[in-house]
Amino acid sequence: MARIVAVCSSEKKGQRKKAIEEGILRKEYGLVGDAHADSSWHRQVSMLALASIEKIRALGADVGPGDFAENLTIEGLELFTLPIGTRFSVGQDIILEMTQIGKECHDRCAIFKQVGTCVMPIEGIFTRVIKGGRVRSGDELKVI
């Protein structure tokens, strides 16, 4: 079973996100209060697996959920191996649809500068919110 390990948000773009107790994912918008939420694009919610974060930890970086600017940190599923268009249910109400795998990093982040690599550009995924709702750490995540 896959589950949400952390829900993370930031007020400004370009900074690490901080874990929050719970959040609201709004349909066709993203995580309410997060700088990356926007109804005009397909990268409304970012997700990264805890296993991906652990790869960077193994290289000596002191990183954790939110440090890669992901909104949802999950465990139990290798996200980047799934095809674009994959849908996920989160908790009781939420439905997300994968729209992109990885992203171009224009400026090397602090993590890249510290260990020489970063996983978000390769293993992070982006989704749009098909059906919104309340999300919290511990919620189950299923491929539908």
C-alpha atoms as a PDB file:
ATOM      1  CA  MET A   1       0.000   0.000   0.000  1.00  0.00           C
ATOM      2  CA  ALA A   2       1.263   3.476  -0.889  1.00  0.00           C
ATOM      3  CA  ARG A   3       0.640   6.395   1.444  1.00  0.00           C
ATOM      4  CA  ILE A   4       1.322  10.085   1.909  1.00  0.00           C
ATOM      5  CA  VAL A   5       4.321  10.647   4.192  1.00  0.00           C
ATOM      6  CA  ALA A   6       4.171  14.456   4.179  1.00  0.00           C
ATOM      7  CA  VAL A   7       2.112  17.330   2.796  1.00  0.00           C
ATOM      8  CA  CYS A   8       4.411  20.295   2.081  1.00  0.00           C
ATOM      9  CA  SER A   9       3.849  23.928   1.149  1.00  0.00           C
ATOM     10  CA  SER A  10       5.745  27.171   0.643  1.00  0.00           C
ATOM     11  CA  GLU A  11       4.586  30.759   0.272  1.00  0.00           C
ATOM     12  CA  LYS A  12       7.248  31.591  -2.352  1.00  0.00           C
ATOM     13  CA  LYS A  13       8.634  29.789  -5.374  1.00  0.00           C
ATOM     14  CA  GLY A  14      12.273  28.750  -5.324  1.00  0.00           C
ATOM     15  CA  GLN A  15      12.377  27.621  -1.722  1.00  0.00           C
ATOM     16  CA  ARG A  16      12.110  24.346   0.129  1.00  0.00           C
ATOM     17  CA  LYS A  17       8.632  23.518   1.323  1.00  0.00           C
ATOM     18  CA  LYS A  18       7.703  22.907   4.948  1.00  0.00           C
ATOM     19  CA  ALA A  19       5.546  20.022   6.144  1.00  0.00           C
ATOM     20  CA  ILE A  20       2.048  21.026   7.188  1.00  0.00           C
ATOM     21  CA  GLU A  21      -0.418  18.940   9.172  1.00  0.00           C
ATOM     22  CA  GLU A  22      -3.010  18.917   6.400  1.00  0.00           C
ATOM     23  CA  GLY A  23      -3.895  20.778   3.253  1.00  0.00           C
ATOM     24  CA  ILE A  24      -6.715  21.382   0.823  1.00  0.00           C
ATOM     25  CA  LEU A  25      -6.259  20.348  -2.806  1.00  0.00           C
ATOM     26  CA  ARG A  26      -8.595  22.471  -4.926  1.00  0.00           C
ATOM     27  CA  LYS A  27      -9.904  21.166  -8.251  1.00  0.00           C
ATOM     28  CA  GLU A  28      -7.903  22.457 -11.244  1.00  0.00           C
ATOM     29  CA  TYR A  29      -5.782  24.609  -8.923  1.00  0.00           C
ATOM     30  CA  GLY A  30      -3.512  22.712  -6.533  1.00  0.00           C
ATOM     31  CA  LEU A  31      -2.592  22.967  -2.860  1.00  0.00           C
ATOM     32  CA  VAL A  32      -4.292  26.007  -1.352  1.00  0.00           C
ATOM     33  CA  GLY A  33      -1.661  28.399   0.027  1.00  0.00           C
ATOM     34  CA  ASP A  34       1.237  26.963  -1.985  1.00  0.00           C
ATOM     35  CA  ALA A  35       3.208  29.235  -4.325  1.00  0.00           C
ATOM     36  CA  HIS A  36       3.064  26.714  -7.196  1.00  0.00           C
ATOM     37  CA  ALA A  37      -0.728  26.306  -7.189  1.00  0.00           C
ATOM     38  CA  ASP A  38      -2.232  27.795 -10.347  1.00  0.00           C
ATOM     39  CA  SER A  39      -5.231  26.978 -12.492  1.00  0.00           C
ATOM     40  CA  SER A  40      -3.453  28.027 -15.687  1.00  0.00           C
ATOM     41  CA  TRP A  41      -0.980  25.128 -15.900  1.00  0.00           C
ATOM     42  CA  HIS A  42      -0.619  21.378 -15.629  1.00  0.00           C
ATOM     43  CA  ARG A  43       1.892  21.280 -12.738  1.00  0.00           C
ATOM     44  CA  GLN A  44      -0.571  21.981  -9.929  1.00  0.00           C
ATOM     45  CA  VAL A  45       0.718  19.402  -7.414  1.00  0.00           C
ATOM     46  CA  SER A  46       4.220  17.915  -7.309  1.00  0.00           C
ATOM     47  CA  MET A  47       4.975  14.489  -5.876  1.00  0.00           C
ATOM     48  CA  LEU A  48       8.180  12.669  -4.978  1.00  0.00           C
ATOM     49  CA  ALA A  49       8.753   9.240  -3.457  1.00  0.00           C
ATOM     50  CA  LEU A  50      10.531   8.913  -0.125  1.00  0.00           C
ATOM     51  CA  ALA A  51      12.786   6.326  -1.823  1.00  0.00           C
ATOM     52  CA  SER A  52      14.007   9.068  -4.167  1.00  0.00           C
ATOM     53  CA  ILE A  53      14.851  11.308  -1.205  1.00  0.00           C
ATOM     54  CA  GLU A  54      16.715   8.407   0.427  1.00  0.00           C
ATOM     55  CA  LYS A  55      18.941   8.122  -2.677  1.00  0.00           C
ATOM     56  CA  ILE A  56      20.209  11.651  -2.014  1.00  0.00           C
ATOM     57  CA  ARG A  57      20.532  10.995   1.714  1.00  0.00           C
ATOM     58  CA  ALA A  58      22.804   8.064   0.849  1.00  0.00           C
ATOM     59  CA  LEU A  59      25.097  10.552  -0.920  1.00  0.00           C
ATOM     60  CA  GLY A  60      25.486  12.523   2.303  1.00  0.00           C
ATOM     61  CA  ALA A  61      22.850  15.241   1.994  1.00  0.00           C
ATOM     62  CA  ASP A  62      20.710  16.076   5.010  1.00  0.00           C
ATOM     63  CA  VAL A  63      17.373  16.189   3.176  1.00  0.00           C
ATOM     64  CA  GLY A  64      13.803  15.208   3.885  1.00  0.00           C
ATOM     65  CA  PRO A  65      10.222  15.758   2.766  1.00  0.00           C
ATOM     66  CA  GLY A  66       9.685  19.177   1.180  1.00  0.00           C
ATOM     67  CA  ASP A  67      13.377  19.829   0.540  1.00  0.00           C
ATOM     68  CA  PHE A  68      12.892  19.110  -3.181  1.00  0.00           C
ATOM     69  CA  ALA A  69       9.909  21.520  -3.276  1.00  0.00           C
ATOM     70  CA  GLU A  70       7.436  18.650  -3.637  1.00  0.00           C
ATOM     71  CA  ASN A  71       3.907  19.042  -2.289  1.00  0.00           C
ATOM     72  CA  LEU A  72       3.316  15.374  -1.520  1.00  0.00           C
ATOM     73  CA  THR A  73       6.006  12.969  -0.357  1.00  0.00           C
ATOM     74  CA  ILE A  74       4.851   9.370  -0.724  1.00  0.00           C
ATOM     75  CA  GLU A  75       6.109   5.910   0.097  1.00  0.00           C
ATOM     76  CA  GLY A  76       5.303   2.538  -1.379  1.00  0.00           C
ATOM     77  CA  LEU A  77       5.193   3.465  -5.081  1.00  0.00           C
ATOM     78  CA  GLU A  78       7.824   4.305  -7.703  1.00  0.00           C
ATOM     79  CA  LEU A  79       6.007   7.269  -9.236  1.00  0.00           C
ATOM     80  CA  PHE A  80       8.313   8.049 -12.168  1.00  0.00           C
ATOM     81  CA  THR A  81       7.839   4.558 -13.669  1.00  0.00           C
ATOM     82  CA  LEU A  82       4.133   5.175 -14.283  1.00  0.00           C
ATOM     83  CA  PRO A  83       2.859   6.632 -17.578  1.00  0.00           C
ATOM     84  CA  ILE A  84       1.600  10.169 -18.108  1.00  0.00           C
ATOM     85  CA  GLY A  85      -2.173  10.146 -17.615  1.00  0.00           C
ATOM     86  CA  THR A  86      -2.048   7.800 -14.613  1.00  0.00           C
ATOM     87  CA  ARG A  87      -4.704   8.717 -12.090  1.00  0.00           C
ATOM     88  CA  PHE A  88      -4.373   8.455  -8.323  1.00  0.00           C
ATOM     89  CA  SER A  89      -6.915   8.494  -5.543  1.00  0.00           C
ATOM     90  CA  VAL A  90      -5.744  10.092  -2.316  1.00  0.00           C
ATOM     91  CA  GLY A  91      -7.622   9.537   0.904  1.00  0.00           C
ATOM     92  CA  GLN A  92     -11.395   9.530   0.590  1.00  0.00           C
ATOM     93  CA  ASP A  93     -12.070  12.183  -2.051  1.00  0.00           C
ATOM     94  CA  ILE A  94      -9.082  13.359  -4.066  1.00  0.00           C
ATOM     95  CA  ILE A  95      -8.274  12.350  -7.643  1.00  0.00           C
ATOM     96  CA  LEU A  96      -5.017  13.482  -9.273  1.00  0.00           C
ATOM     97  CA  GLU A  97      -3.836  12.922 -12.851  1.00  0.00           C
ATOM     98  CA  MET A  98      -0.137  12.703 -13.746  1.00  0.00           C
ATOM     99  CA  THR A  99       0.768  15.331 -16.347  1.00  0.00           C
ATOM    100  CA  GLN A 100       4.588  15.366 -16.346  1.00  0.00           C
ATOM    101  CA  ILE A 101       7.575  13.322 -15.191  1.00  0.00           C
ATOM    102  CA  GLY A 102      10.605  15.315 -14.112  1.00  0.00           C
ATOM    103  CA  LYS A 103      11.400  18.903 -14.970  1.00  0.00           C
ATOM    104  CA  GLU A 104      14.199  21.015 -16.312  1.00  0.00           C
ATOM    105  CA  CYS A 105      16.322  22.635 -13.620  1.00  0.00           C
ATOM    106  CA  HIS A 106      17.447  26.011 -14.919  1.00  0.00           C
ATOM    107  CA  ASP A 107      19.612  26.829 -11.905  1.00  0.00           C
ATOM    108  CA  ARG A 108      21.375  24.119  -9.984  1.00  0.00           C
ATOM    109  CA  CYS A 109      19.703  23.841  -6.587  1.00  0.00           C
ATOM    110  CA  ALA A 110      21.553  23.709  -3.271  1.00  0.00           C
ATOM    111  CA  ILE A 111      21.113  19.926  -3.171  1.00  0.00           C
ATOM    112  CA  PHE A 112      22.779  19.529  -6.581  1.00  0.00           C
ATOM    113  CA  LYS A 113      25.633  21.795  -5.501  1.00  0.00           C
ATOM    114  CA  GLN A 114      26.129  19.750  -2.335  1.00  0.00           C
ATOM    115  CA  VAL A 115      26.115  16.205  -3.784  1.00  0.00           C
ATOM    116  CA  GLY A 116      26.371  16.658  -7.567  1.00  0.00           C
ATOM    117  CA  THR A 117      22.897  15.411  -8.458  1.00  0.00           C
ATOM    118  CA  CYS A 118      19.202  15.896  -7.741  1.00  0.00           C
ATOM    119  CA  VAL A 119      16.281  13.487  -8.110  1.00  0.00           C
ATOM    120  CA  MET A 120      13.389  15.891  -8.691  1.00  0.00           C
ATOM    121  CA  PRO A 121      14.289  16.585 -12.358  1.00  0.00           C
ATOM    122  CA  ILE A 122      14.175  12.841 -13.108  1.00  0.00           C
ATOM    123  CA  GLU A 123      11.953  11.144 -10.528  1.00  0.00           C
ATOM    124  CA  GLY A 124       9.545  13.866  -9.417  1.00  0.00           C
ATOM    125  CA  ILE A 125       6.112  13.943 -11.012  1.00  0.00           C
ATOM    126  CA  PHE A 126       3.498  16.616 -11.518  1.00  0.00           C
ATOM    127  CA  THR A 127      -0.265  16.255 -11.414  1.00  0.00           C
ATOM    128  CA  ARG A 128      -3.403  18.254 -11.874  1.00  0.00           C
ATOM    129  CA  VAL A 129      -6.295  18.054  -9.442  1.00  0.00           C
ATOM    130  CA  ILE A 130      -9.325  16.343 -11.001  1.00  0.00           C
ATOM    131  CA  LYS A 131     -11.288  16.200  -7.741  1.00  0.00           C
ATOM    132  CA  GLY A 132     -10.231  18.117  -4.653  1.00  0.00           C
ATOM    133  CA  GLY A 133     -10.418  17.514  -0.950  1.00  0.00           C
ATOM    134  CA  ARG A 134      -8.510  17.417   2.308  1.00  0.00           C
ATOM    135  CA  VAL A 135      -5.083  15.705   2.296  1.00  0.00           C
ATOM    136  CA  ARG A 136      -2.963  14.725   5.285  1.00  0.00           C
ATOM    137  CA  SER A 137       0.014  12.588   6.171  1.00  0.00           C
ATOM    138  CA  GLY A 138      -0.996   8.928   6.396  1.00  0.00           C
ATOM    139  CA  ASP A 139      -3.632   9.100   3.636  1.00  0.00           C
ATOM    140  CA  GLU A 140      -3.628   6.137   1.311  1.00  0.00           C
ATOM    141  CA  LEU A 141      -2.583   6.717  -2.318  1.00  0.00           C
ATOM    142  CA  LYS A 142      -3.851   4.288  -4.975  1.00  0.00           C
ATOM    143  CA  VAL A 143      -3.354   4.038  -8.717  1.00  0.00           C
ATOM    144  CA  ILE A 144      -6.817   3.972 -10.321  1.00  0.00           C
END
